[in-house]
Amino acid sequence: MTDSNPIAIKEVNSPDLTCAKCNAACCQLEVMLITDTGVPDQYIEHDQWGGETMKRLDDGWCICVDRDTKLCTIYENRPWVCRIFEMGSYECSVEFVAAK
């Protein structure tokens, strides 16, 4: 079985793939809170099953992203998922290419 939309290997570790050049595509994904990193309560919402996710604005962006700088306003307390979503990783490259 082949992927109908494969990501070119050259894009995975591309020098063009930096947070400074990205439109923070990862900050538009749903972020589930599965560990306690100190995310302030005002940025957390609860789903119907009691799970916690980061609040998002009406347009889908994480509430903690500064729209001018594309930087996280709670970086020291960012969720675990955000901590492991590394710049240049395969997951990052998929979002980067999809956002183009």
PDB file of N, CA and C in Angstrom:
ATOM      1  N   MET A   1       0.844  -1.172   0.000  1.00  0.00           N
ATOM      2  CA  MET A   1       0.000   0.000   0.000  1.00  0.00           C
ATOM      3  C   MET A   1       0.887   1.232   0.000  1.00  0.00           C
ATOM      4  N   THR A   2       0.595   2.192  -0.837  1.00  0.00           N
ATOM      5  CA  THR A   2       1.404   3.394  -0.907  1.00  0.00           C
ATOM      6  C   THR A   2       0.612   4.588  -0.421  1.00  0.00           C
ATOM      7  N   ASP A   3       1.324   5.551   0.111  1.00  0.00           N
ATOM      8  CA  ASP A   3       0.714   6.785   0.584  1.00  0.00           C
ATOM      9  C   ASP A   3       0.345   7.642  -0.622  1.00  0.00           C
ATOM     10  N   SER A   4      -0.867   8.163  -0.646  1.00  0.00           N
ATOM     11  CA  SER A   4      -1.293   8.960  -1.785  1.00  0.00           C
ATOM     12  C   SER A   4      -0.690  10.353  -1.784  1.00  0.00           C
ATOM     13  N   ASN A   5      -0.077  10.758  -0.683  1.00  0.00           N
ATOM     14  CA  ASN A   5       0.528  12.087  -0.594  1.00  0.00           C
ATOM     15  C   ASN A   5       1.854  11.983   0.152  1.00  0.00           C
ATOM     16  N   PRO A   6       2.846  11.302  -0.438  1.00  0.00           N
ATOM     17  CA  PRO A   6       4.110  11.101   0.280  1.00  0.00           C
ATOM     18  C   PRO A   6       4.891  12.400   0.467  1.00  0.00           C
ATOM     19  N   ILE A   7       5.639  12.451   1.556  1.00  0.00           N
ATOM     20  CA  ILE A   7       6.513  13.581   1.850  1.00  0.00           C
ATOM     21  C   ILE A   7       7.896  13.252   1.303  1.00  0.00           C
ATOM     22  N   ALA A   8       8.429  14.137   0.513  1.00  0.00           N
ATOM     23  CA  ALA A   8       9.763  13.914  -0.045  1.00  0.00           C
ATOM     24  C   ALA A   8      10.790  13.890   1.079  1.00  0.00           C
ATOM     25  N   ILE A   9      11.687  12.911   1.023  1.00  0.00           N
ATOM     26  CA  ILE A   9      12.708  12.773   2.053  1.00  0.00           C
ATOM     27  C   ILE A   9      13.530  14.050   2.183  1.00  0.00           C
ATOM     28  N   LYS A  10      13.821  14.719   1.088  1.00  0.00           N
ATOM     29  CA  LYS A  10      14.636  15.928   1.145  1.00  0.00           C
ATOM     30  C   LYS A  10      13.981  17.017   1.982  1.00  0.00           C
ATOM     31  N   GLU A  11      12.645  16.994   2.122  1.00  0.00           N
ATOM     32  CA  GLU A  11      11.974  18.022   2.893  1.00  0.00           C
ATOM     33  C   GLU A  11      12.044  17.758   4.390  1.00  0.00           C
ATOM     34  N   VAL A  12      12.266  16.502   4.791  1.00  0.00           N
ATOM     35  CA  VAL A  12      12.269  16.168   6.205  1.00  0.00           C
ATOM     36  C   VAL A  12      13.379  16.890   6.959  1.00  0.00           C
ATOM     37  N   ASN A  13      14.565  16.946   6.418  1.00  0.00           N
ATOM     38  CA  ASN A  13      15.675  17.607   7.092  1.00  0.00           C
ATOM     39  C   ASN A  13      16.139  18.842   6.324  1.00  0.00           C
ATOM     40  N   SER A  14      15.236  19.493   5.673  1.00  0.00           N
ATOM     41  CA  SER A  14      15.561  20.656   4.862  1.00  0.00           C
ATOM     42  C   SER A  14      16.009  21.822   5.723  1.00  0.00           C
ATOM     43  N   PRO A  15      17.031  22.577   5.280  1.00  0.00           N
ATOM     44  CA  PRO A  15      17.433  23.777   6.020  1.00  0.00           C
ATOM     45  C   PRO A  15      16.331  24.829   6.002  1.00  0.00           C
ATOM     46  N   ASP A  16      15.369  24.692   5.102  1.00  0.00           N
ATOM     47  CA  ASP A  16      14.238  25.621   5.064  1.00  0.00           C
ATOM     48  C   ASP A  16      13.257  25.355   6.194  1.00  0.00           C
ATOM     49  N   LEU A  17      13.383  24.228   6.842  1.00  0.00           N
ATOM     50  CA  LEU A  17      12.445  23.824   7.880  1.00  0.00           C
ATOM     51  C   LEU A  17      12.908  24.342   9.244  1.00  0.00           C
ATOM     52  N   THR A  18      12.561  25.582   9.536  1.00  0.00           N
ATOM     53  CA  THR A  18      12.892  26.179  10.826  1.00  0.00           C
ATOM     54  C   THR A  18      11.648  26.853  11.382  1.00  0.00           C
ATOM     55  N   CYS A  19      11.588  26.975  12.684  1.00  0.00           N
ATOM     56  CA  CYS A  19      10.440  27.641  13.307  1.00  0.00           C
ATOM     57  C   CYS A  19      10.325  29.084  12.828  1.00  0.00           C
ATOM     58  N   ALA A  20      11.467  29.709  12.541  1.00  0.00           N
ATOM     59  CA  ALA A  20      11.464  31.103  12.106  1.00  0.00           C
ATOM     60  C   ALA A  20      10.809  31.270  10.736  1.00  0.00           C
ATOM     61  N   LYS A  21      10.840  30.228   9.903  1.00  0.00           N
ATOM     62  CA  LYS A  21      10.271  30.309   8.558  1.00  0.00           C
ATOM     63  C   LYS A  21       8.894  29.658   8.455  1.00  0.00           C
ATOM     64  N   CYS A  22       8.447  29.023   9.512  1.00  0.00           N
ATOM     65  CA  CYS A  22       7.177  28.307   9.507  1.00  0.00           C
ATOM     66  C   CYS A  22       6.068  29.237   9.995  1.00  0.00           C
ATOM     67  N   ASN A  23       4.866  28.958   9.588  1.00  0.00           N
ATOM     68  CA  ASN A  23       3.727  29.722  10.081  1.00  0.00           C
ATOM     69  C   ASN A  23       3.092  29.044  11.287  1.00  0.00           C
ATOM     70  N   ALA A  24       3.918  28.396  12.096  1.00  0.00           N
ATOM     71  CA  ALA A  24       3.484  27.736  13.326  1.00  0.00           C
ATOM     72  C   ALA A  24       2.369  26.731  13.056  1.00  0.00           C
ATOM     73  N   ALA A  25       2.548  25.935  12.025  1.00  0.00           N
ATOM     74  CA  ALA A  25       1.533  24.943  11.662  1.00  0.00           C
ATOM     75  C   ALA A  25       1.229  24.002  12.820  1.00  0.00           C
ATOM     76  N   CYS A  26       2.228  23.667  13.602  1.00  0.00           N
ATOM     77  CA  CYS A  26       2.013  22.755  14.733  1.00  0.00           C
ATOM     78  C   CYS A  26       1.115  23.386  15.796  1.00  0.00           C
ATOM     79  N   CYS A  27       1.053  24.694  15.846  1.00  0.00           N
ATOM     80  CA  CYS A  27       0.240  25.396  16.844  1.00  0.00           C
ATOM     81  C   CYS A  27      -1.224  25.485  16.432  1.00  0.00           C
ATOM     82  N   GLN A  28      -1.550  24.839  15.328  1.00  0.00           N
ATOM     83  CA  GLN A  28      -2.933  24.773  14.887  1.00  0.00           C
ATOM     84  C   GLN A  28      -3.501  23.364  15.051  1.00  0.00           C
ATOM     85  N   LEU A  29      -2.710  22.465  15.633  1.00  0.00           N
ATOM     86  CA  LEU A  29      -3.146  21.102  15.884  1.00  0.00           C
ATOM     87  C   LEU A  29      -3.797  21.009  17.258  1.00  0.00           C
ATOM     88  N   GLU A  30      -4.658  20.021  17.450  1.00  0.00           N
ATOM     89  CA  GLU A  30      -5.229  19.809  18.781  1.00  0.00           C
ATOM     90  C   GLU A  30      -4.131  19.294  19.700  1.00  0.00           C
ATOM     91  N   VAL A  31      -4.026  19.875  20.881  1.00  0.00           N
ATOM     92  CA  VAL A  31      -2.994  19.486  21.837  1.00  0.00           C
ATOM     93  C   VAL A  31      -3.660  18.919  23.081  1.00  0.00           C
ATOM     94  N   MET A  32      -3.505  17.618  23.252  1.00  0.00           N
ATOM     95  CA  MET A  32      -4.044  16.966  24.450  1.00  0.00           C
ATOM     96  C   MET A  32      -3.031  17.088  25.574  1.00  0.00           C
ATOM     97  N   LEU A  33      -3.522  17.365  26.768  1.00  0.00           N
ATOM     98  CA  LEU A  33      -2.662  17.475  27.942  1.00  0.00           C
ATOM     99  C   LEU A  33      -2.654  16.133  28.651  1.00  0.00           C
ATOM    100  N   ILE A  34      -1.524  15.443  28.601  1.00  0.00           N
ATOM    101  CA  ILE A  34      -1.435  14.107  29.189  1.00  0.00           C
ATOM    102  C   ILE A  34      -0.464  14.045  30.361  1.00  0.00           C
ATOM    103  N   THR A  35       0.241  15.134  30.600  1.00  0.00           N
ATOM    104  CA  THR A  35       1.100  15.243  31.773  1.00  0.00           C
ATOM    105  C   THR A  35       0.939  16.652  32.332  1.00  0.00           C
ATOM    106  N   ASP A  36       1.318  16.826  33.570  1.00  0.00           N
ATOM    107  CA  ASP A  36       1.218  18.145  34.190  1.00  0.00           C
ATOM    108  C   ASP A  36       2.527  18.898  33.993  1.00  0.00           C
ATOM    109  N   THR A  37       2.487  19.924  33.160  1.00  0.00           N
ATOM    110  CA  THR A  37       3.675  20.760  32.942  1.00  0.00           C
ATOM    111  C   THR A  37       3.467  22.160  33.490  1.00  0.00           C
ATOM    112  N   GLY A  38       2.310  22.373  34.114  1.00  0.00           N
ATOM    113  CA  GLY A  38       2.050  23.688  34.692  1.00  0.00           C
ATOM    114  C   GLY A  38       1.317  24.636  33.767  1.00  0.00           C
ATOM    115  N   VAL A  39       0.635  24.110  32.745  1.00  0.00           N
ATOM    116  CA  VAL A  39      -0.152  24.972  31.864  1.00  0.00           C
ATOM    117  C   VAL A  39      -1.200  25.673  32.733  1.00  0.00           C
ATOM    118  N   PRO A  40      -1.252  27.001  32.700  1.00  0.00           N
ATOM    119  CA  PRO A  40      -2.246  27.721  33.502  1.00  0.00           C
ATOM    120  C   PRO A  40      -3.674  27.309  33.141  1.00  0.00           C
ATOM    121  N   ASP A  41      -4.530  27.199  34.155  1.00  0.00           N
ATOM    122  CA  ASP A  41      -5.899  26.718  33.972  1.00  0.00           C
ATOM    123  C   ASP A  41      -6.694  27.498  32.935  1.00  0.00           C
ATOM    124  N   GLN A  42      -6.445  28.788  32.800  1.00  0.00           N
ATOM    125  CA  GLN A  42      -7.240  29.587  31.857  1.00  0.00           C
ATOM    126  C   GLN A  42      -7.000  29.199  30.404  1.00  0.00           C
ATOM    127  N   TYR A  43      -5.975  28.380  30.126  1.00  0.00           N
ATOM    128  CA  TYR A  43      -5.675  27.947  28.767  1.00  0.00           C
ATOM    129  C   TYR A  43      -6.120  26.512  28.487  1.00  0.00           C
ATOM    130  N   ILE A  44      -6.809  25.908  29.445  1.00  0.00           N
ATOM    131  CA  ILE A  44      -7.214  24.509  29.342  1.00  0.00           C
ATOM    132  C   ILE A  44      -8.731  24.402  29.186  1.00  0.00           C
ATOM    133  N   GLU A  45      -9.149  23.505  28.277  1.00  0.00           N
ATOM    134  CA  GLU A  45     -10.568  23.184  28.219  1.00  0.00           C
ATOM    135  C   GLU A  45     -10.739  21.683  28.401  1.00  0.00           C
ATOM    136  N   HIS A  46     -11.928  21.300  28.826  1.00  0.00           N
ATOM    137  CA  HIS A  46     -12.226  19.892  29.107  1.00  0.00           C
ATOM    138  C   HIS A  46     -13.220  19.373  28.085  1.00  0.00           C
ATOM    139  N   ASP A  47     -12.933  18.177  27.571  1.00  0.00           N
ATOM    140  CA  ASP A  47     -13.873  17.598  26.611  1.00  0.00           C
ATOM    141  C   ASP A  47     -14.966  16.846  27.361  1.00  0.00           C
ATOM    142  N   GLN A  48     -15.885  16.243  26.625  1.00  0.00           N
ATOM    143  CA  GLN A  48     -17.039  15.578  27.240  1.00  0.00           C
ATOM    144  C   GLN A  48     -16.669  14.358  28.064  1.00  0.00           C
ATOM    145  N   TRP A  49     -15.456  13.838  27.902  1.00  0.00           N
ATOM    146  CA  TRP A  49     -15.001  12.680  28.660  1.00  0.00           C
ATOM    147  C   TRP A  49     -14.074  13.066  29.808  1.00  0.00           C
ATOM    148  N   GLY A  50     -13.880  14.353  30.026  1.00  0.00           N
ATOM    149  CA  GLY A  50     -13.012  14.821  31.102  1.00  0.00           C
ATOM    150  C   GLY A  50     -11.564  15.015  30.698  1.00  0.00           C
ATOM    151  N   GLY A  51     -11.250  14.763  29.437  1.00  0.00           N
ATOM    152  CA  GLY A  51      -9.890  14.978  28.948  1.00  0.00           C
ATOM    153  C   GLY A  51      -9.586  16.462  28.847  1.00  0.00           C
ATOM    154  N   GLU A  52      -8.317  16.785  28.948  1.00  0.00           N
ATOM    155  CA  GLU A  52      -7.896  18.179  28.874  1.00  0.00           C
ATOM    156  C   GLU A  52      -7.165  18.446  27.566  1.00  0.00           C
ATOM    157  N   THR A  53      -7.494  19.566  26.949  1.00  0.00           N
ATOM    158  CA  THR A  53      -6.810  20.012  25.742  1.00  0.00           C
ATOM    159  C   THR A  53      -6.513  21.499  25.881  1.00  0.00           C
ATOM    160  N   MET A  54      -5.580  21.954  25.086  1.00  0.00           N
ATOM    161  CA  MET A  54      -5.308  23.387  25.048  1.00  0.00           C
ATOM    162  C   MET A  54      -6.472  24.076  24.355  1.00  0.00           C
ATOM    163  N   LYS A  55      -6.872  25.226  24.889  1.00  0.00           N
ATOM    164  CA  LYS A  55      -7.916  26.003  24.228  1.00  0.00           C
ATOM    165  C   LYS A  55      -7.385  26.499  22.900  1.00  0.00           C
ATOM    166  N   ARG A  56      -8.295  26.599  21.951  1.00  0.00           N
ATOM    167  CA  ARG A  56      -7.943  27.158  20.653  1.00  0.00           C
ATOM    168  C   ARG A  56      -8.913  28.286  20.342  1.00  0.00           C
ATOM    169  N   LEU A  57      -8.431  29.231  19.585  1.00  0.00           N
ATOM    170  CA  LEU A  57      -9.274  30.336  19.170  1.00  0.00           C
ATOM    171  C   LEU A  57     -10.233  29.846  18.084  1.00  0.00           C
ATOM    172  N   ASP A  58     -11.198  30.664  17.732  1.00  0.00           N
ATOM    173  CA  ASP A  58     -12.207  30.273  16.747  1.00  0.00           C
ATOM    174  C   ASP A  58     -11.616  29.823  15.419  1.00  0.00           C
ATOM    175  N   ASP A  59     -10.444  30.338  15.077  1.00  0.00           N
ATOM    176  CA  ASP A  59      -9.813  29.963  13.810  1.00  0.00           C
ATOM    177  C   ASP A  59      -8.911  28.732  13.934  1.00  0.00           C
ATOM    178  N   GLY A  60      -8.866  28.105  15.107  1.00  0.00           N
ATOM    179  CA  GLY A  60      -8.103  26.879  15.295  1.00  0.00           C
ATOM    180  C   GLY A  60      -6.723  27.034  15.896  1.00  0.00           C
ATOM    181  N   TRP A  61      -6.242  28.250  16.038  1.00  0.00           N
ATOM    182  CA  TRP A  61      -4.908  28.475  16.601  1.00  0.00           C
ATOM    183  C   TRP A  61      -4.918  28.292  18.115  1.00  0.00           C
ATOM    184  N   CYS A  62      -3.822  27.746  18.639  1.00  0.00           N
ATOM    185  CA  CYS A  62      -3.651  27.635  20.089  1.00  0.00           C
ATOM    186  C   CYS A  62      -3.738  29.024  20.699  1.00  0.00           C
ATOM    187  N   ILE A  63      -4.431  29.104  21.801  1.00  0.00           N
ATOM    188  CA  ILE A  63      -4.637  30.382  22.474  1.00  0.00           C
ATOM    189  C   ILE A  63      -3.327  30.997  22.973  1.00  0.00           C
ATOM    190  N   CYS A  64      -2.288  30.195  23.113  1.00  0.00           N
ATOM    191  CA  CYS A  64      -1.023  30.679  23.683  1.00  0.00           C
ATOM    192  C   CYS A  64      -0.013  31.174  22.654  1.00  0.00           C
ATOM    193  N   VAL A  65      -0.354  31.139  21.388  1.00  0.00           N
ATOM    194  CA  VAL A  65       0.582  31.591  20.362  1.00  0.00           C
ATOM    195  C   VAL A  65       0.441  33.093  20.155  1.00  0.00           C
ATOM    196  N   ASP A  66       1.552  33.800  20.281  1.00  0.00           N
ATOM    197  CA  ASP A  66       1.571  35.224  19.965  1.00  0.00           C
ATOM    198  C   ASP A  66       1.512  35.331  18.452  1.00  0.00           C
ATOM    199  N   ARG A  67       0.481  35.956  17.937  1.00  0.00           N
ATOM    200  CA  ARG A  67       0.256  35.990  16.493  1.00  0.00           C
ATOM    201  C   ARG A  67       1.315  36.794  15.743  1.00  0.00           C
ATOM    202  N   ASP A  68       1.948  37.750  16.378  1.00  0.00           N
ATOM    203  CA  ASP A  68       2.962  38.553  15.697  1.00  0.00           C
ATOM    204  C   ASP A  68       4.301  37.832  15.601  1.00  0.00           C
ATOM    205  N   THR A  69       4.705  37.191  16.690  1.00  0.00           N
ATOM    206  CA  THR A  69       6.017  36.541  16.727  1.00  0.00           C
ATOM    207  C   THR A  69       5.969  35.056  16.427  1.00  0.00           C
ATOM    208  N   LYS A  70       4.797  34.455  16.501  1.00  0.00           N
ATOM    209  CA  LYS A  70       4.598  33.000  16.359  1.00  0.00           C
ATOM    210  C   LYS A  70       5.317  32.234  17.467  1.00  0.00           C
ATOM    211  N   LEU A  71       5.523  32.887  18.602  1.00  0.00           N
ATOM    212  CA  LEU A  71       6.166  32.248  19.746  1.00  0.00           C
ATOM    213  C   LEU A  71       5.127  31.881  20.794  1.00  0.00           C
ATOM    214  N   CYS A  72       5.433  30.858  21.571  1.00  0.00           N
ATOM    215  CA  CYS A  72       4.555  30.411  22.647  1.00  0.00           C
ATOM    216  C   CYS A  72       4.681  31.358  23.831  1.00  0.00           C
ATOM    217  N   THR A  73       3.541  31.820  24.329  1.00  0.00           N
ATOM    218  CA  THR A  73       3.564  32.753  25.461  1.00  0.00           C
ATOM    219  C   THR A  73       3.702  32.040  26.801  1.00  0.00           C
ATOM    220  N   ILE A  74       3.607  30.715  26.810  1.00  0.00           N
ATOM    221  CA  ILE A  74       3.790  29.945  28.049  1.00  0.00           C
ATOM    222  C   ILE A  74       4.885  28.897  27.844  1.00  0.00           C
ATOM    223  N   TYR A  75       5.912  29.243  27.103  1.00  0.00           N
ATOM    224  CA  TYR A  75       6.938  28.296  26.678  1.00  0.00           C
ATOM    225  C   TYR A  75       7.484  27.440  27.815  1.00  0.00           C
ATOM    226  N   GLU A  76       7.777  28.021  28.948  1.00  0.00           N
ATOM    227  CA  GLU A  76       8.335  27.255  30.075  1.00  0.00           C
ATOM    228  C   GLU A  76       7.336  26.256  30.640  1.00  0.00           C
ATOM    229  N   ASN A  77       6.052  26.473  30.397  1.00  0.00           N
ATOM    230  CA  ASN A  77       4.997  25.589  30.899  1.00  0.00           C
ATOM    231  C   ASN A  77       4.222  24.915  29.767  1.00  0.00           C
ATOM    232  N   ARG A  78       4.811  24.865  28.584  1.00  0.00           N
ATOM    233  CA  ARG A  78       4.119  24.297  27.428  1.00  0.00           C
ATOM    234  C   ARG A  78       3.839  22.810  27.660  1.00  0.00           C
ATOM    235  N   PRO A  79       2.803  22.306  27.009  1.00  0.00           N
ATOM    236  CA  PRO A  79       2.446  20.892  27.171  1.00  0.00           C
ATOM    237  C   PRO A  79       3.550  19.941  26.710  1.00  0.00           C
ATOM    238  N   TRP A  80       3.502  18.735  27.225  1.00  0.00           N
ATOM    239  CA  TRP A  80       4.482  17.703  26.892  1.00  0.00           C
ATOM    240  C   TRP A  80       4.518  17.459  25.387  1.00  0.00           C
ATOM    241  N   VAL A  81       3.344  17.394  24.745  1.00  0.00           N
ATOM    242  CA  VAL A  81       3.289  17.150  23.304  1.00  0.00           C
ATOM    243  C   VAL A  81       4.070  18.225  22.554  1.00  0.00           C
ATOM    244  N   CYS A  82       3.968  19.465  22.974  1.00  0.00           N
ATOM    245  CA  CYS A  82       4.707  20.553  22.330  1.00  0.00           C
ATOM    246  C   CYS A  82       6.207  20.407  22.558  1.00  0.00           C
ATOM    247  N   ARG A  83       6.585  19.862  23.704  1.00  0.00           N
ATOM    248  CA  ARG A  83       8.003  19.679  24.018  1.00  0.00           C
ATOM    249  C   ARG A  83       8.647  18.609  23.139  1.00  0.00           C
ATOM    250  N   ILE A  84       7.895  17.580  22.766  1.00  0.00           N
ATOM    251  CA  ILE A  84       8.488  16.491  21.980  1.00  0.00           C
ATOM    252  C   ILE A  84       8.292  16.684  20.479  1.00  0.00           C
ATOM    253  N   PHE A  85       7.491  17.655  20.085  1.00  0.00           N
ATOM    254  CA  PHE A  85       7.272  17.941  18.666  1.00  0.00           C
ATOM    255  C   PHE A  85       8.444  18.798  18.210  1.00  0.00           C
ATOM    256  N   GLU A  86       9.529  18.153  17.852  1.00  0.00           N
ATOM    257  CA  GLU A  86      10.777  18.844  17.570  1.00  0.00           C
ATOM    258  C   GLU A  86      10.831  19.450  16.180  1.00  0.00           C
ATOM    259  N   MET A  87      11.439  20.618  16.102  1.00  0.00           N
ATOM    260  CA  MET A  87      11.676  21.254  14.816  1.00  0.00           C
ATOM    261  C   MET A  87      12.495  20.319  13.940  1.00  0.00           C
ATOM    262  N   GLY A  88      12.025  20.081  12.735  1.00  0.00           N
ATOM    263  CA  GLY A  88      12.749  19.237  11.799  1.00  0.00           C
ATOM    264  C   GLY A  88      12.426  17.763  11.894  1.00  0.00           C
ATOM    265  N   SER A  89      11.614  17.359  12.877  1.00  0.00           N
ATOM    266  CA  SER A  89      11.245  15.952  12.984  1.00  0.00           C
ATOM    267  C   SER A  89      10.310  15.583  11.831  1.00  0.00           C
ATOM    268  N   TYR A  90      10.077  14.308  11.657  1.00  0.00           N
ATOM    269  CA  TYR A  90       9.173  13.866  10.597  1.00  0.00           C
ATOM    270  C   TYR A  90       7.793  14.511  10.760  1.00  0.00           C
ATOM    271  N   GLU A  91       7.263  14.501  11.987  1.00  0.00           N
ATOM    272  CA  GLU A  91       5.946  15.080  12.240  1.00  0.00           C
ATOM    273  C   GLU A  91       5.921  16.566  11.895  1.00  0.00           C
ATOM    274  N   CYS A  92       6.981  17.261  12.238  1.00  0.00           N
ATOM    275  CA  CYS A  92       7.103  18.682  11.916  1.00  0.00           C
ATOM    276  C   CYS A  92       7.095  18.881  10.411  1.00  0.00           C
ATOM    277  N   SER A  93       7.858  18.051   9.702  1.00  0.00           N
ATOM    278  CA  SER A  93       7.942  18.209   8.250  1.00  0.00           C
ATOM    279  C   SER A  93       6.600  17.957   7.585  1.00  0.00           C
ATOM    280  N   VAL A  94       5.836  17.016   8.106  1.00  0.00           N
ATOM    281  CA  VAL A  94       4.516  16.734   7.544  1.00  0.00           C
ATOM    282  C   VAL A  94       3.624  17.966   7.674  1.00  0.00           C
ATOM    283  N   GLU A  95       3.621  18.594   8.840  1.00  0.00           N
ATOM    284  CA  GLU A  95       2.805  19.787   9.043  1.00  0.00           C
ATOM    285  C   GLU A  95       3.322  20.954   8.222  1.00  0.00           C
ATOM    286  N   PHE A  96       4.639  21.084   8.129  1.00  0.00           N
ATOM    287  CA  PHE A  96       5.264  22.163   7.355  1.00  0.00           C
ATOM    288  C   PHE A  96       4.859  22.069   5.891  1.00  0.00           C
ATOM    289  N   VAL A  97       4.955  20.884   5.325  1.00  0.00           N
ATOM    290  CA  VAL A  97       4.608  20.685   3.918  1.00  0.00           C
ATOM    291  C   VAL A  97       3.108  20.874   3.717  1.00  0.00           C
ATOM    292  N   ALA A  98       2.300  20.389   4.637  1.00  0.00           N
ATOM    293  CA  ALA A  98       0.845  20.501   4.519  1.00  0.00           C
ATOM    294  C   ALA A  98       0.400  21.969   4.585  1.00  0.00           C
ATOM    295  N   ALA A  99       1.151  22.800   5.313  1.00  0.00           N
ATOM    296  CA  ALA A  99       0.784  24.207   5.490  1.00  0.00           C
ATOM    297  C   ALA A  99       1.178  25.066   4.301  1.00  0.00           C
ATOM    298  N   LYS A 100       2.012  24.540   3.409  1.00  0.00           N
ATOM    299  CA  LYS A 100       2.480  25.324   2.251  1.00  0.00           C
ATOM    300  C   LYS A 100       1.349  25.612   1.296  1.00  0.00           C
TER     301      LYS A 100
END
